[in-house]
Amino acid sequence: MRQGFDLDDLLEMADANARICPVPSPWEELWRLLPEKNQVGGTWIPRPPPIVGDWWVMSREEKRERFRAHLRYATAKGVAHAAGLLLSSLKEDEWLHEE
């Protein structure tokens, strides 16, 4: 029996119940878990989650893609398990869903 979360597990959680991404506060918490972030030319790699005004202008598809990029990054950097623990602790109202 395998232990921990992998990318498939994270993506399955991300897609459950027509989810798009976490709402800003828990998504920010996930982003803080990501190691080795770099600021290059005024832009973070990986890019941070949309907050404040960006949340309202970014499309649902853009949010979905950025969130999935964070999940892939978490996996590549060895923190998929920590990301999975965070995501699995979220209540359904802490997710943005398809309408």
PDB file of N, CA and C in Angstrom:
ATOM      1  N   MET A   1       0.846  -1.184   0.000  1.00  0.00           N
ATOM      2  CA  MET A   1       0.000   0.000   0.000  1.00  0.00           C
ATOM      3  C   MET A   1       0.890   1.245   0.000  1.00  0.00           C
ATOM      4  N   ARG A   2       0.660   2.113  -0.945  1.00  0.00           N
ATOM      5  CA  ARG A   2       1.485   3.299  -1.049  1.00  0.00           C
ATOM      6  C   ARG A   2       1.004   4.343  -0.063  1.00  0.00           C
ATOM      7  N   GLN A   3       1.935   5.166   0.377  1.00  0.00           N
ATOM      8  CA  GLN A   3       1.604   6.234   1.306  1.00  0.00           C
ATOM      9  C   GLN A   3       1.886   7.568   0.643  1.00  0.00           C
ATOM     10  N   GLY A   4       1.159   8.586   1.075  1.00  0.00           N
ATOM     11  CA  GLY A   4       1.384   9.909   0.533  1.00  0.00           C
ATOM     12  C   GLY A   4       0.497  10.187  -0.660  1.00  0.00           C
ATOM     13  N   PHE A   5       0.663  11.367  -1.184  1.00  0.00           N
ATOM     14  CA  PHE A   5      -0.100  11.828  -2.342  1.00  0.00           C
ATOM     15  C   PHE A   5       0.852  11.996  -3.512  1.00  0.00           C
ATOM     16  N   ASP A   6       0.352  11.704  -4.714  1.00  0.00           N
ATOM     17  CA  ASP A   6       1.125  11.963  -5.926  1.00  0.00           C
ATOM     18  C   ASP A   6       0.318  12.914  -6.802  1.00  0.00           C
ATOM     19  N   LEU A   7       0.845  13.227  -7.975  1.00  0.00           N
ATOM     20  CA  LEU A   7       0.172  14.184  -8.853  1.00  0.00           C
ATOM     21  C   LEU A   7      -1.227  13.719  -9.231  1.00  0.00           C
ATOM     22  N   ASP A   8      -1.391  12.448  -9.515  1.00  0.00           N
ATOM     23  CA  ASP A   8      -2.730  11.947  -9.859  1.00  0.00           C
ATOM     24  C   ASP A   8      -3.719  12.190  -8.725  1.00  0.00           C
ATOM     25  N   ASP A   9      -3.282  11.967  -7.486  1.00  0.00           N
ATOM     26  CA  ASP A   9      -4.153  12.216  -6.336  1.00  0.00           C
ATOM     27  C   ASP A   9      -4.527  13.687  -6.241  1.00  0.00           C
ATOM     28  N   LEU A  10      -3.537  14.557  -6.433  1.00  0.00           N
ATOM     29  CA  LEU A  10      -3.799  15.994  -6.345  1.00  0.00           C
ATOM     30  C   LEU A  10      -4.775  16.439  -7.424  1.00  0.00           C
ATOM     31  N   LEU A  11      -4.574  15.948  -8.638  1.00  0.00           N
ATOM     32  CA  LEU A  11      -5.472  16.326  -9.732  1.00  0.00           C
ATOM     33  C   LEU A  11      -6.877  15.772  -9.518  1.00  0.00           C
ATOM     34  N   GLU A  12      -6.963  14.592  -8.945  1.00  0.00           N
ATOM     35  CA  GLU A  12      -8.281  14.019  -8.645  1.00  0.00           C
ATOM     36  C   GLU A  12      -9.016  14.892  -7.622  1.00  0.00           C
ATOM     37  N   MET A  13      -8.311  15.334  -6.584  1.00  0.00           N
ATOM     38  CA  MET A  13      -8.927  16.243  -5.612  1.00  0.00           C
ATOM     39  C   MET A  13      -9.325  17.556  -6.277  1.00  0.00           C
ATOM     40  N   ALA A  14      -8.474  18.055  -7.162  1.00  0.00           N
ATOM     41  CA  ALA A  14      -8.737  19.330  -7.835  1.00  0.00           C
ATOM     42  C   ALA A  14      -9.969  19.257  -8.720  1.00  0.00           C
ATOM     43  N   ASP A  15     -10.236  18.087  -9.297  1.00  0.00           N
ATOM     44  CA  ASP A  15     -11.357  17.936 -10.228  1.00  0.00           C
ATOM     45  C   ASP A  15     -12.664  17.491  -9.572  1.00  0.00           C
ATOM     46  N   ALA A  16     -12.588  17.002  -8.342  1.00  0.00           N
ATOM     47  CA  ALA A  16     -13.788  16.496  -7.666  1.00  0.00           C
ATOM     48  C   ALA A  16     -14.841  17.594  -7.533  1.00  0.00           C
ATOM     49  N   ASN A  17     -16.083  17.210  -7.669  1.00  0.00           N
ATOM     50  CA  ASN A  17     -17.214  18.130  -7.440  1.00  0.00           C
ATOM     51  C   ASN A  17     -17.150  19.401  -8.271  1.00  0.00           C
ATOM     52  N   ALA A  18     -16.638  19.290  -9.497  1.00  0.00           N
ATOM     53  CA  ALA A  18     -16.565  20.422 -10.430  1.00  0.00           C
ATOM     54  C   ALA A  18     -15.742  21.588  -9.867  1.00  0.00           C
ATOM     55  N   ARG A  19     -14.671  21.263  -9.142  1.00  0.00           N
ATOM     56  CA  ARG A  19     -13.806  22.287  -8.568  1.00  0.00           C
ATOM     57  C   ARG A  19     -12.925  22.922  -9.644  1.00  0.00           C
ATOM     58  N   ILE A  20     -12.613  24.191  -9.416  1.00  0.00           N
ATOM     59  CA  ILE A  20     -11.691  24.918 -10.278  1.00  0.00           C
ATOM     60  C   ILE A  20     -10.371  25.136  -9.555  1.00  0.00           C
ATOM     61  N   CYS A  21     -10.446  25.669  -8.338  1.00  0.00           N
ATOM     62  CA  CYS A  21      -9.262  25.971  -7.537  1.00  0.00           C
ATOM     63  C   CYS A  21      -9.730  26.327  -6.138  1.00  0.00           C
ATOM     64  N   PRO A  22      -8.815  26.349  -5.182  1.00  0.00           N
ATOM     65  CA  PRO A  22      -9.198  26.850  -3.858  1.00  0.00           C
ATOM     66  C   PRO A  22      -9.480  28.348  -3.929  1.00  0.00           C
ATOM     67  N   VAL A  23     -10.237  28.837  -2.970  1.00  0.00           N
ATOM     68  CA  VAL A  23     -10.441  30.282  -2.865  1.00  0.00           C
ATOM     69  C   VAL A  23      -9.113  30.907  -2.397  1.00  0.00           C
ATOM     70  N   PRO A  24      -8.975  32.227  -2.463  1.00  0.00           N
ATOM     71  CA  PRO A  24      -7.665  32.847  -2.260  1.00  0.00           C
ATOM     72  C   PRO A  24      -6.893  32.457  -0.999  1.00  0.00           C
ATOM     73  N   SER A  25      -7.504  32.449   0.164  1.00  0.00           N
ATOM     74  CA  SER A  25      -6.728  32.215   1.386  1.00  0.00           C
ATOM     75  C   SER A  25      -6.078  30.825   1.427  1.00  0.00           C
ATOM     76  N   PRO A  26      -6.821  29.729   1.209  1.00  0.00           N
ATOM     77  CA  PRO A  26      -6.144  28.430   1.212  1.00  0.00           C
ATOM     78  C   PRO A  26      -5.201  28.249   0.020  1.00  0.00           C
ATOM     79  N   TRP A  27      -5.504  28.891  -1.103  1.00  0.00           N
ATOM     80  CA  TRP A  27      -4.589  28.790  -2.239  1.00  0.00           C
ATOM     81  C   TRP A  27      -3.268  29.472  -1.914  1.00  0.00           C
ATOM     82  N   GLU A  28      -3.345  30.611  -1.235  1.00  0.00           N
ATOM     83  CA  GLU A  28      -2.131  31.306  -0.794  1.00  0.00           C
ATOM     84  C   GLU A  28      -1.333  30.408   0.154  1.00  0.00           C
ATOM     85  N   GLU A  29      -2.030  29.692   1.027  1.00  0.00           N
ATOM     86  CA  GLU A  29      -1.365  28.767   1.944  1.00  0.00           C
ATOM     87  C   GLU A  29      -0.639  27.667   1.168  1.00  0.00           C
ATOM     88  N   LEU A  30      -1.268  27.146   0.117  1.00  0.00           N
ATOM     89  CA  LEU A  30      -0.626  26.148  -0.730  1.00  0.00           C
ATOM     90  C   LEU A  30       0.621  26.738  -1.384  1.00  0.00           C
ATOM     91  N   TRP A  31       0.521  27.939  -1.906  1.00  0.00           N
ATOM     92  CA  TRP A  31       1.654  28.570  -2.591  1.00  0.00           C
ATOM     93  C   TRP A  31       2.829  28.758  -1.635  1.00  0.00           C
ATOM     94  N   ARG A  32       2.524  29.087  -0.368  1.00  0.00           N
ATOM     95  CA  ARG A  32       3.598  29.250   0.622  1.00  0.00           C
ATOM     96  C   ARG A  32       4.325  27.935   0.893  1.00  0.00           C
ATOM     97  N   LEU A  33       3.660  26.798   0.672  1.00  0.00           N
ATOM     98  CA  LEU A  33       4.295  25.492   0.842  1.00  0.00           C
ATOM     99  C   LEU A  33       5.327  25.194  -0.244  1.00  0.00           C
ATOM    100  N   LEU A  34       5.202  25.841  -1.389  1.00  0.00           N
ATOM    101  CA  LEU A  34       6.055  25.515  -2.533  1.00  0.00           C
ATOM    102  C   LEU A  34       7.477  26.007  -2.289  1.00  0.00           C
ATOM    103  N   PRO A  35       8.453  25.099  -2.336  1.00  0.00           N
ATOM    104  CA  PRO A  35       9.841  25.492  -2.095  1.00  0.00           C
ATOM    105  C   PRO A  35      10.495  26.077  -3.346  1.00  0.00           C
ATOM    106  N   GLU A  36      11.609  26.736  -3.133  1.00  0.00           N
ATOM    107  CA  GLU A  36      12.470  27.199  -4.217  1.00  0.00           C
ATOM    108  C   GLU A  36      11.782  28.142  -5.199  1.00  0.00           C
ATOM    109  N   LYS A  37      10.868  28.975  -4.673  1.00  0.00           N
ATOM    110  CA  LYS A  37      10.259  29.979  -5.552  1.00  0.00           C
ATOM    111  C   LYS A  37      11.316  31.036  -5.850  1.00  0.00           C
ATOM    112  N   ASN A  38      11.286  31.560  -7.052  1.00  0.00           N
ATOM    113  CA  ASN A  38      12.250  32.582  -7.456  1.00  0.00           C
ATOM    114  C   ASN A  38      11.519  33.767  -8.044  1.00  0.00           C
ATOM    115  N   GLN A  39      12.066  34.944  -7.809  1.00  0.00           N
ATOM    116  CA  GLN A  39      11.537  36.144  -8.439  1.00  0.00           C
ATOM    117  C   GLN A  39      12.479  36.523  -9.568  1.00  0.00           C
ATOM    118  N   VAL A  40      11.936  36.540 -10.787  1.00  0.00           N
ATOM    119  CA  VAL A  40      12.717  36.825 -11.975  1.00  0.00           C
ATOM    120  C   VAL A  40      12.057  37.987 -12.703  1.00  0.00           C
ATOM    121  N   GLY A  41      12.767  39.103 -12.794  1.00  0.00           N
ATOM    122  CA  GLY A  41      12.229  40.256 -13.510  1.00  0.00           C
ATOM    123  C   GLY A  41      10.896  40.745 -12.983  1.00  0.00           C
ATOM    124  N   GLY A  42      10.698  40.688 -11.685  1.00  0.00           N
ATOM    125  CA  GLY A  42       9.452  41.162 -11.104  1.00  0.00           C
ATOM    126  C   GLY A  42       8.330  40.150 -11.109  1.00  0.00           C
ATOM    127  N   THR A  43       8.586  38.944 -11.620  1.00  0.00           N
ATOM    128  CA  THR A  43       7.576  37.894 -11.662  1.00  0.00           C
ATOM    129  C   THR A  43       8.066  36.685 -10.879  1.00  0.00           C
ATOM    130  N   TRP A  44       7.188  36.128 -10.082  1.00  0.00           N
ATOM    131  CA  TRP A  44       7.535  34.931  -9.323  1.00  0.00           C
ATOM    132  C   TRP A  44       7.387  33.686 -10.181  1.00  0.00           C
ATOM    133  N   ILE A  45       8.290  32.721  -9.955  1.00  0.00           N
ATOM    134  CA  ILE A  45       8.192  31.414 -10.594  1.00  0.00           C
ATOM    135  C   ILE A  45       8.168  30.393  -9.473  1.00  0.00           C
ATOM    136  N   PRO A  46       7.093  29.636  -9.299  1.00  0.00           N
ATOM    137  CA  PRO A  46       5.854  29.756 -10.062  1.00  0.00           C
ATOM    138  C   PRO A  46       5.089  31.025  -9.684  1.00  0.00           C
ATOM    139  N   ARG A  47       4.239  31.440 -10.590  1.00  0.00           N
ATOM    140  CA  ARG A  47       3.453  32.645 -10.344  1.00  0.00           C
ATOM    141  C   ARG A  47       2.540  32.433  -9.146  1.00  0.00           C
ATOM    142  N   PRO A  48       2.318  33.458  -8.346  1.00  0.00           N
ATOM    143  CA  PRO A  48       1.453  33.300  -7.164  1.00  0.00           C
ATOM    144  C   PRO A  48      -0.013  33.155  -7.571  1.00  0.00           C
ATOM    145  N   PRO A  49      -0.834  32.715  -6.633  1.00  0.00           N
ATOM    146  CA  PRO A  49      -2.269  32.644  -6.932  1.00  0.00           C
ATOM    147  C   PRO A  49      -2.831  34.049  -7.098  1.00  0.00           C
ATOM    148  N   PRO A  50      -3.936  34.164  -7.807  1.00  0.00           N
ATOM    149  CA  PRO A  50      -4.558  35.482  -7.962  1.00  0.00           C
ATOM    150  C   PRO A  50      -5.175  35.923  -6.643  1.00  0.00           C
ATOM    151  N   ILE A  51      -4.840  37.122  -6.232  1.00  0.00           N
ATOM    152  CA  ILE A  51      -5.409  37.670  -5.002  1.00  0.00           C
ATOM    153  C   ILE A  51      -5.930  39.071  -5.283  1.00  0.00           C
ATOM    154  N   VAL A  52      -6.697  39.569  -4.385  1.00  0.00           N
ATOM    155  CA  VAL A  52      -7.287  40.900  -4.439  1.00  0.00           C
ATOM    156  C   VAL A  52      -7.943  41.122  -5.804  1.00  0.00           C
ATOM    157  N   GLY A  53      -7.524  42.142  -6.555  1.00  0.00           N
ATOM    158  CA  GLY A  53      -8.162  42.471  -7.825  1.00  0.00           C
ATOM    159  C   GLY A  53      -7.987  41.408  -8.894  1.00  0.00           C
ATOM    160  N   ASP A  54      -6.836  40.716  -8.884  1.00  0.00           N
ATOM    161  CA  ASP A  54      -6.593  39.682  -9.893  1.00  0.00           C
ATOM    162  C   ASP A  54      -7.639  38.577  -9.844  1.00  0.00           C
ATOM    163  N   TRP A  55      -8.129  38.267  -8.657  1.00  0.00           N
ATOM    164  CA  TRP A  55      -9.112  37.188  -8.508  1.00  0.00           C
ATOM    165  C   TRP A  55     -10.341  37.470  -9.376  1.00  0.00           C
ATOM    166  N   TRP A  56     -10.752  38.722  -9.448  1.00  0.00           N
ATOM    167  CA  TRP A  56     -11.990  39.076 -10.144  1.00  0.00           C
ATOM    168  C   TRP A  56     -11.810  39.238 -11.649  1.00  0.00           C
ATOM    169  N   VAL A  57     -10.591  39.454 -12.124  1.00  0.00           N
ATOM    170  CA  VAL A  57     -10.397  39.638 -13.564  1.00  0.00           C
ATOM    171  C   VAL A  57      -9.877  38.374 -14.256  1.00  0.00           C
ATOM    172  N   MET A  58      -9.301  37.462 -13.505  1.00  0.00           N
ATOM    173  CA  MET A  58      -8.774  36.232 -14.102  1.00  0.00           C
ATOM    174  C   MET A  58      -9.934  35.270 -14.389  1.00  0.00           C
ATOM    175  N   SER A  59      -9.915  34.681 -15.556  1.00  0.00           N
ATOM    176  CA  SER A  59     -10.983  33.751 -15.926  1.00  0.00           C
ATOM    177  C   SER A  59     -10.882  32.468 -15.107  1.00  0.00           C
ATOM    178  N   ARG A  60     -11.957  31.724 -15.072  1.00  0.00           N
ATOM    179  CA  ARG A  60     -11.967  30.445 -14.363  1.00  0.00           C
ATOM    180  C   ARG A  60     -10.941  29.490 -14.974  1.00  0.00           C
ATOM    181  N   GLU A  61     -10.823  29.505 -16.267  1.00  0.00           N
ATOM    182  CA  GLU A  61      -9.854  28.624 -16.921  1.00  0.00           C
ATOM    183  C   GLU A  61      -8.416  29.012 -16.558  1.00  0.00           C
ATOM    184  N   GLU A  62      -8.145  30.307 -16.500  1.00  0.00           N
ATOM    185  CA  GLU A  62      -6.808  30.755 -16.088  1.00  0.00           C
ATOM    186  C   GLU A  62      -6.517  30.344 -14.649  1.00  0.00           C
ATOM    187  N   LYS A  63      -7.516  30.464 -13.777  1.00  0.00           N
ATOM    188  CA  LYS A  63      -7.342  30.025 -12.387  1.00  0.00           C
ATOM    189  C   LYS A  63      -7.070  28.531 -12.338  1.00  0.00           C
ATOM    190  N   ARG A  64      -7.839  27.759 -13.084  1.00  0.00           N
ATOM    191  CA  ARG A  64      -7.663  26.304 -13.115  1.00  0.00           C
ATOM    192  C   ARG A  64      -6.249  25.945 -13.570  1.00  0.00           C
ATOM    193  N   GLU A  65      -5.800  26.566 -14.638  1.00  0.00           N
ATOM    194  CA  GLU A  65      -4.474  26.248 -15.178  1.00  0.00           C
ATOM    195  C   GLU A  65      -3.359  26.646 -14.212  1.00  0.00           C
ATOM    196  N   ARG A  66      -3.481  27.800 -13.574  1.00  0.00           N
ATOM    197  CA  ARG A  66      -2.441  28.215 -12.632  1.00  0.00           C
ATOM    198  C   ARG A  66      -2.419  27.279 -11.420  1.00  0.00           C
ATOM    199  N   PHE A  67      -3.598  26.901 -10.935  1.00  0.00           N
ATOM    200  CA  PHE A  67      -3.666  25.988  -9.795  1.00  0.00           C
ATOM    201  C   PHE A  67      -3.031  24.640 -10.152  1.00  0.00           C
ATOM    202  N   ARG A  68      -3.339  24.120 -11.320  1.00  0.00           N
ATOM    203  CA  ARG A  68      -2.752  22.842 -11.729  1.00  0.00           C
ATOM    204  C   ARG A  68      -1.235  22.958 -11.926  1.00  0.00           C
ATOM    205  N   ALA A  69      -0.779  24.118 -12.369  1.00  0.00           N
ATOM    206  CA  ALA A  69       0.667  24.345 -12.462  1.00  0.00           C
ATOM    207  C   ALA A  69       1.297  24.275 -11.074  1.00  0.00           C
ATOM    208  N   HIS A  70       0.599  24.791 -10.071  1.00  0.00           N
ATOM    209  CA  HIS A  70       1.105  24.708  -8.701  1.00  0.00           C
ATOM    210  C   HIS A  70       1.151  23.261  -8.225  1.00  0.00           C
ATOM    211  N   LEU A  71       0.168  22.464  -8.611  1.00  0.00           N
ATOM    212  CA  LEU A  71       0.165  21.054  -8.218  1.00  0.00           C
ATOM    213  C   LEU A  71       1.312  20.297  -8.890  1.00  0.00           C
ATOM    214  N   ARG A  72       1.568  20.591 -10.157  1.00  0.00           N
ATOM    215  CA  ARG A  72       2.694  19.955 -10.850  1.00  0.00           C
ATOM    216  C   ARG A  72       4.022  20.385 -10.221  1.00  0.00           C
ATOM    217  N   TYR A  73       4.131  21.656  -9.879  1.00  0.00           N
ATOM    218  CA  TYR A  73       5.339  22.180  -9.243  1.00  0.00           C
ATOM    219  C   TYR A  73       5.542  21.502  -7.885  1.00  0.00           C
ATOM    220  N   ALA A  74       4.474  21.403  -7.097  1.00  0.00           N
ATOM    221  CA  ALA A  74       4.564  20.751  -5.788  1.00  0.00           C
ATOM    222  C   ALA A  74       5.082  19.329  -5.934  1.00  0.00           C
ATOM    223  N   THR A  75       4.605  18.629  -6.926  1.00  0.00           N
ATOM    224  CA  THR A  75       5.039  17.252  -7.158  1.00  0.00           C
ATOM    225  C   THR A  75       6.506  17.216  -7.559  1.00  0.00           C
ATOM    226  N   ALA A  76       6.893  18.094  -8.482  1.00  0.00           N
ATOM    227  CA  ALA A  76       8.276  18.121  -8.962  1.00  0.00           C
ATOM    228  C   ALA A  76       9.259  18.475  -7.844  1.00  0.00           C
ATOM    229  N   LYS A  77       8.810  19.273  -6.886  1.00  0.00           N
ATOM    230  CA  LYS A  77       9.689  19.721  -5.803  1.00  0.00           C
ATOM    231  C   LYS A  77       9.569  18.865  -4.542  1.00  0.00           C
ATOM    232  N   GLY A  78       8.818  17.772  -4.624  1.00  0.00           N
ATOM    233  CA  GLY A  78       8.758  16.835  -3.512  1.00  0.00           C
ATOM    234  C   GLY A  78       7.830  17.202  -2.372  1.00  0.00           C
ATOM    235  N   VAL A  79       6.878  18.086  -2.620  1.00  0.00           N
ATOM    236  CA  VAL A  79       5.945  18.466  -1.552  1.00  0.00           C
ATOM    237  C   VAL A  79       4.498  18.098  -1.892  1.00  0.00           C
ATOM    238  N   ALA A  80       4.332  17.095  -2.740  1.00  0.00           N
ATOM    239  CA  ALA A  80       2.981  16.656  -3.106  1.00  0.00           C
ATOM    240  C   ALA A  80       2.204  16.184  -1.879  1.00  0.00           C
ATOM    241  N   HIS A  81       2.882  15.491  -0.979  1.00  0.00           N
ATOM    242  CA  HIS A  81       2.180  14.983   0.202  1.00  0.00           C
ATOM    243  C   HIS A  81       1.660  16.135   1.065  1.00  0.00           C
ATOM    244  N   ALA A  82       2.490  17.138   1.313  1.00  0.00           N
ATOM    245  CA  ALA A  82       2.060  18.302   2.100  1.00  0.00           C
ATOM    246  C   ALA A  82       0.913  19.026   1.395  1.00  0.00           C
ATOM    247  N   ALA A  83       1.005  19.158   0.073  1.00  0.00           N
ATOM    248  CA  ALA A  83      -0.074  19.795  -0.694  1.00  0.00           C
ATOM    249  C   ALA A  83      -1.354  18.977  -0.585  1.00  0.00           C
ATOM    250  N   GLY A  84      -1.229  17.658  -0.675  1.00  0.00           N
ATOM    251  CA  GLY A  84      -2.404  16.791  -0.564  1.00  0.00           C
ATOM    252  C   GLY A  84      -3.060  16.879   0.797  1.00  0.00           C
ATOM    253  N   LEU A  85      -2.252  16.953   1.849  1.00  0.00           N
ATOM    254  CA  LEU A  85      -2.817  17.097   3.189  1.00  0.00           C
ATOM    255  C   LEU A  85      -3.595  18.403   3.307  1.00  0.00           C
ATOM    256  N   LEU A  86      -3.027  19.470   2.759  1.00  0.00           N
ATOM    257  CA  LEU A  86      -3.719  20.760   2.806  1.00  0.00           C
ATOM    258  C   LEU A  86      -5.023  20.696   2.020  1.00  0.00           C
ATOM    259  N   LEU A  87      -4.956  20.221   0.789  1.00  0.00           N
ATOM    260  CA  LEU A  87      -6.155  20.193  -0.050  1.00  0.00           C
ATOM    261  C   LEU A  87      -7.235  19.293   0.532  1.00  0.00           C
ATOM    262  N   SER A  88      -6.836  18.156   1.089  1.00  0.00           N
ATOM    263  CA  SER A  88      -7.825  17.234   1.637  1.00  0.00           C
ATOM    264  C   SER A  88      -8.472  17.782   2.907  1.00  0.00           C
ATOM    265  N   SER A  89      -7.874  18.794   3.513  1.00  0.00           N
ATOM    266  CA  SER A  89      -8.449  19.390   4.721  1.00  0.00           C
ATOM    267  C   SER A  89      -9.452  20.499   4.404  1.00  0.00           C
ATOM    268  N   LEU A  90      -9.507  20.931   3.139  1.00  0.00           N
ATOM    269  CA  LEU A  90     -10.391  22.045   2.787  1.00  0.00           C
ATOM    270  C   LEU A  90     -11.845  21.604   2.772  1.00  0.00           C
ATOM    271  N   LYS A  91     -12.692  22.494   3.266  1.00  0.00           N
ATOM    272  CA  LYS A  91     -14.135  22.279   3.167  1.00  0.00           C
ATOM    273  C   LYS A  91     -14.571  22.648   1.752  1.00  0.00           C
ATOM    274  N   GLU A  92     -15.701  22.133   1.344  1.00  0.00           N
ATOM    275  CA  GLU A  92     -16.162  22.375  -0.029  1.00  0.00           C
ATOM    276  C   GLU A  92     -16.379  23.851  -0.314  1.00  0.00           C
ATOM    277  N   ASP A  93     -16.735  24.641   0.695  1.00  0.00           N
ATOM    278  CA  ASP A  93     -16.933  26.079   0.451  1.00  0.00           C
ATOM    279  C   ASP A  93     -15.615  26.843   0.385  1.00  0.00           C
ATOM    280  N   GLU A  94     -14.491  26.139   0.511  1.00  0.00           N
ATOM    281  CA  GLU A  94     -13.176  26.762   0.339  1.00  0.00           C
ATOM    282  C   GLU A  94     -12.636  26.519  -1.065  1.00  0.00           C
ATOM    283  N   TRP A  95     -13.504  26.061  -1.951  1.00  0.00           N
ATOM    284  CA  TRP A  95     -13.166  25.830  -3.352  1.00  0.00           C
ATOM    285  C   TRP A  95     -14.056  26.681  -4.240  1.00  0.00           C
ATOM    286  N   LEU A  96     -13.496  27.149  -5.343  1.00  0.00           N
ATOM    287  CA  LEU A  96     -14.295  27.756  -6.412  1.00  0.00           C
ATOM    288  C   LEU A  96     -14.750  26.616  -7.303  1.00  0.00           C
ATOM    289  N   HIS A  97     -16.042  26.614  -7.667  1.00  0.00           N
ATOM    290  CA  HIS A  97     -16.606  25.539  -8.489  1.00  0.00           C
ATOM    291  C   HIS A  97     -17.131  26.080  -9.816  1.00  0.00           C
ATOM    292  N   GLU A  98     -17.262  25.168 -10.763  1.00  0.00           N
ATOM    293  CA  GLU A  98     -17.963  25.519 -12.004  1.00  0.00           C
ATOM    294  C   GLU A  98     -19.373  25.920 -11.640  1.00  0.00           C
ATOM    295  N   GLU A  99     -19.934  26.805 -12.426  1.00  0.00           N
ATOM    296  CA  GLU A  99     -21.300  27.255 -12.132  1.00  0.00           C
ATOM    297  C   GLU A  99     -22.311  26.240 -12.582  1.00  0.00           C
TER     298      GLU A  99
END
